């Protein structure tokens, strides 16, 4: 475990650059990902409510 700690301290600058780049990519893709998710969210909402209704009826029976 100590070796991993020493490696991470030695490479902290590289790791920070890598994480910052990944963060910038994800922030840049956020609007696109939201647009992709939007149709699925609108489809999923009625399906989820129907599934809950069916489960409630099955629980009563």
N, C-alpha and C. Protein backbone atom coordinates (compact mmCIF):
# COMPACT_ATOMS: atom_id res chain seq x y z
N UNK A 1 0.82 -1.19 0.00
CA UNK A 1 0.00 0.00 0.00
C UNK A 1 0.87 1.26 0.00
N UNK A 2 1.97 1.19 0.65
CA UNK A 2 2.87 2.34 0.70
C UNK A 2 3.41 2.66 -0.69
N UNK A 3 3.65 1.62 -1.49
CA UNK A 3 4.13 1.85 -2.86
C UNK A 3 3.12 2.61 -3.69
N UNK A 4 1.86 2.26 -3.53
CA UNK A 4 0.80 2.96 -4.26
C UNK A 4 0.74 4.42 -3.84
N UNK A 5 0.88 4.65 -2.57
CA UNK A 5 0.85 6.02 -2.06
C UNK A 5 2.00 6.83 -2.62
N UNK A 6 3.18 6.25 -2.63
CA UNK A 6 4.35 6.97 -3.17
C UNK A 6 4.19 7.23 -4.66
N UNK A 7 3.64 6.23 -5.39
CA UNK A 7 3.43 6.42 -6.82
C UNK A 7 2.44 7.55 -7.07
N UNK A 8 1.37 7.60 -6.30
CA UNK A 8 0.36 8.63 -6.51
C UNK A 8 0.90 10.02 -6.17
N UNK A 9 1.78 10.10 -5.18
CA UNK A 9 2.39 11.38 -4.84
C UNK A 9 3.33 11.82 -5.96
N UNK A 10 4.10 10.89 -6.50
CA UNK A 10 5.02 11.22 -7.59
C UNK A 10 4.27 11.64 -8.85
N UNK A 11 3.12 11.08 -9.09
CA UNK A 11 2.39 11.33 -10.33
C UNK A 11 1.16 12.21 -10.12
N UNK A 12 1.12 12.95 -9.05
CA UNK A 12 -0.04 13.77 -8.73
C UNK A 12 -0.33 14.80 -9.82
N UNK A 13 0.69 15.41 -10.35
CA UNK A 13 0.48 16.43 -11.38
C UNK A 13 -0.15 15.82 -12.63
N UNK A 14 0.36 14.65 -13.05
CA UNK A 14 -0.19 13.95 -14.20
C UNK A 14 -1.64 13.56 -13.95
N UNK A 15 -1.93 13.03 -12.77
CA UNK A 15 -3.29 12.60 -12.44
C UNK A 15 -4.25 13.79 -12.43
N UNK A 16 -3.80 14.93 -11.90
CA UNK A 16 -4.65 16.11 -11.87
C UNK A 16 -4.96 16.58 -13.28
N UNK A 17 -3.98 16.58 -14.18
CA UNK A 17 -4.22 16.96 -15.57
C UNK A 17 -5.21 16.02 -16.24
N UNK A 18 -5.04 14.74 -15.98
CA UNK A 18 -5.93 13.73 -16.57
C UNK A 18 -7.37 13.93 -16.08
N UNK A 19 -7.56 14.09 -14.79
CA UNK A 19 -8.90 14.28 -14.23
C UNK A 19 -9.52 15.59 -14.72
N UNK A 20 -8.71 16.64 -14.85
CA UNK A 20 -9.23 17.92 -15.35
C UNK A 20 -9.69 17.78 -16.80
N UNK A 21 -8.93 17.06 -17.60
CA UNK A 21 -9.32 16.85 -19.00
C UNK A 21 -10.62 16.05 -19.09
N UNK A 22 -10.74 15.02 -18.29
CA UNK A 22 -11.97 14.21 -18.29
C UNK A 22 -13.15 15.07 -17.85
N UNK A 23 -12.94 15.91 -16.85
CA UNK A 23 -14.02 16.77 -16.37
C UNK A 23 -14.46 17.74 -17.45
N UNK A 24 -13.50 18.35 -18.17
CA UNK A 24 -13.85 19.27 -19.25
C UNK A 24 -14.65 18.57 -20.35
N UNK A 25 -14.26 17.34 -20.67
CA UNK A 25 -14.98 16.58 -21.70
C UNK A 25 -16.41 16.31 -21.24
N UNK A 26 -16.59 15.88 -20.00
CA UNK A 26 -17.92 15.58 -19.50
C UNK A 26 -18.80 16.83 -19.42
N UNK A 27 -18.23 17.93 -19.00
CA UNK A 27 -18.99 19.18 -18.93
C UNK A 27 -19.38 19.63 -20.34
N UNK A 28 -18.48 19.46 -21.29
CA UNK A 28 -18.79 19.82 -22.67
C UNK A 28 -19.86 18.94 -23.29
N UNK A 29 -19.89 17.68 -22.91
CA UNK A 29 -20.87 16.73 -23.45
C UNK A 29 -22.20 16.79 -22.71
N UNK A 30 -22.28 17.50 -21.64
CA UNK A 30 -23.49 17.52 -20.81
C UNK A 30 -24.75 17.89 -21.59
N UNK A 31 -24.75 18.95 -22.39
CA UNK A 31 -25.99 19.28 -23.13
C UNK A 31 -26.39 18.17 -24.11
N UNK A 32 -25.41 17.57 -24.75
CA UNK A 32 -25.71 16.49 -25.69
C UNK A 32 -26.29 15.29 -24.95
N UNK A 33 -25.70 14.96 -23.83
CA UNK A 33 -26.20 13.82 -23.07
C UNK A 33 -27.60 14.07 -22.52
N UNK A 34 -27.88 15.31 -22.15
CA UNK A 34 -29.22 15.63 -21.67
C UNK A 34 -30.25 15.47 -22.78
N UNK A 35 -29.88 15.89 -24.00
CA UNK A 35 -30.81 15.75 -25.13
C UNK A 35 -31.04 14.29 -25.48
N UNK A 36 -30.03 13.48 -25.33
CA UNK A 36 -30.18 12.05 -25.60
C UNK A 36 -31.08 11.43 -24.53
N UNK A 37 -30.91 11.84 -23.29
CA UNK A 37 -31.66 11.25 -22.18
C UNK A 37 -33.12 11.71 -22.15
N UNK A 38 -33.39 12.88 -22.69
CA UNK A 38 -34.73 13.46 -22.61
C UNK A 38 -35.83 12.54 -23.16
N UNK A 39 -35.69 11.98 -24.36
CA UNK A 39 -36.76 11.09 -24.85
C UNK A 39 -36.96 9.87 -23.96
N UNK A 40 -35.88 9.34 -23.43
CA UNK A 40 -36.01 8.17 -22.57
C UNK A 40 -36.70 8.51 -21.26
N UNK A 41 -36.47 9.69 -20.76
CA UNK A 41 -37.11 10.12 -19.52
C UNK A 41 -38.62 10.28 -19.73
N UNK A 42 -38.99 10.88 -20.86
CA UNK A 42 -40.42 11.08 -21.12
C UNK A 42 -41.12 9.75 -21.38
N UNK A 43 -40.42 8.80 -21.95
CA UNK A 43 -41.01 7.48 -22.18
C UNK A 43 -41.07 6.70 -20.88
N UNK A 44 -40.05 6.83 -20.06
CA UNK A 44 -39.95 6.03 -18.85
C UNK A 44 -40.97 6.45 -17.79
N UNK A 45 -41.32 7.71 -17.72
CA UNK A 45 -42.23 8.18 -16.67
C UNK A 45 -43.57 7.47 -16.67
N UNK A 46 -44.29 7.41 -17.81
CA UNK A 46 -45.56 6.67 -17.80
C UNK A 46 -45.37 5.18 -17.55
N UNK A 47 -44.28 4.65 -18.07
CA UNK A 47 -44.04 3.22 -17.89
C UNK A 47 -43.81 2.89 -16.42
N UNK A 48 -43.11 3.75 -15.72
CA UNK A 48 -42.85 3.53 -14.29
C UNK A 48 -44.14 3.62 -13.50
N UNK A 49 -44.97 4.60 -13.81
CA UNK A 49 -46.23 4.73 -13.07
C UNK A 49 -47.15 3.54 -13.35
N UNK A 50 -47.17 3.05 -14.60
CA UNK A 50 -47.96 1.87 -14.92
C UNK A 50 -47.44 0.64 -14.18
N UNK A 51 -46.14 0.51 -14.10
CA UNK A 51 -45.56 -0.64 -13.40
C UNK A 51 -45.90 -0.59 -11.92
N UNK A 52 -45.90 0.59 -11.33
CA UNK A 52 -46.26 0.71 -9.91
C UNK A 52 -47.72 0.33 -9.70
N UNK A 53 -48.59 0.74 -10.61
CA UNK A 53 -50.00 0.42 -10.50
C UNK A 53 -50.21 -1.11 -10.58
N UNK A 54 -49.54 -1.72 -11.52
CA UNK A 54 -49.66 -3.17 -11.70
C UNK A 54 -49.14 -3.89 -10.46
N UNK A 55 -48.02 -3.42 -9.92
CA UNK A 55 -47.47 -4.05 -8.72
C UNK A 55 -48.42 -3.88 -7.54
N UNK A 56 -49.06 -2.74 -7.44
CA UNK A 56 -49.99 -2.51 -6.33
C UNK A 56 -51.21 -3.43 -6.46
N UNK A 57 -51.70 -3.60 -7.69
CA UNK A 57 -52.84 -4.49 -7.90
C UNK A 57 -52.46 -5.93 -7.62
N UNK A 58 -51.26 -6.33 -8.03
CA UNK A 58 -50.79 -7.68 -7.77
C UNK A 58 -50.61 -7.93 -6.27
N UNK A 59 -50.18 -6.91 -5.55
CA UNK A 59 -49.99 -7.06 -4.11
C UNK A 59 -51.32 -7.25 -3.39
N UNK A 60 -52.36 -6.59 -3.90
CA UNK A 60 -53.68 -6.71 -3.29
C UNK A 60 -54.27 -8.10 -3.57
N UNK A 61 -54.03 -8.62 -4.75
CA UNK A 61 -54.62 -9.91 -5.14
C UNK A 61 -54.01 -11.06 -4.43
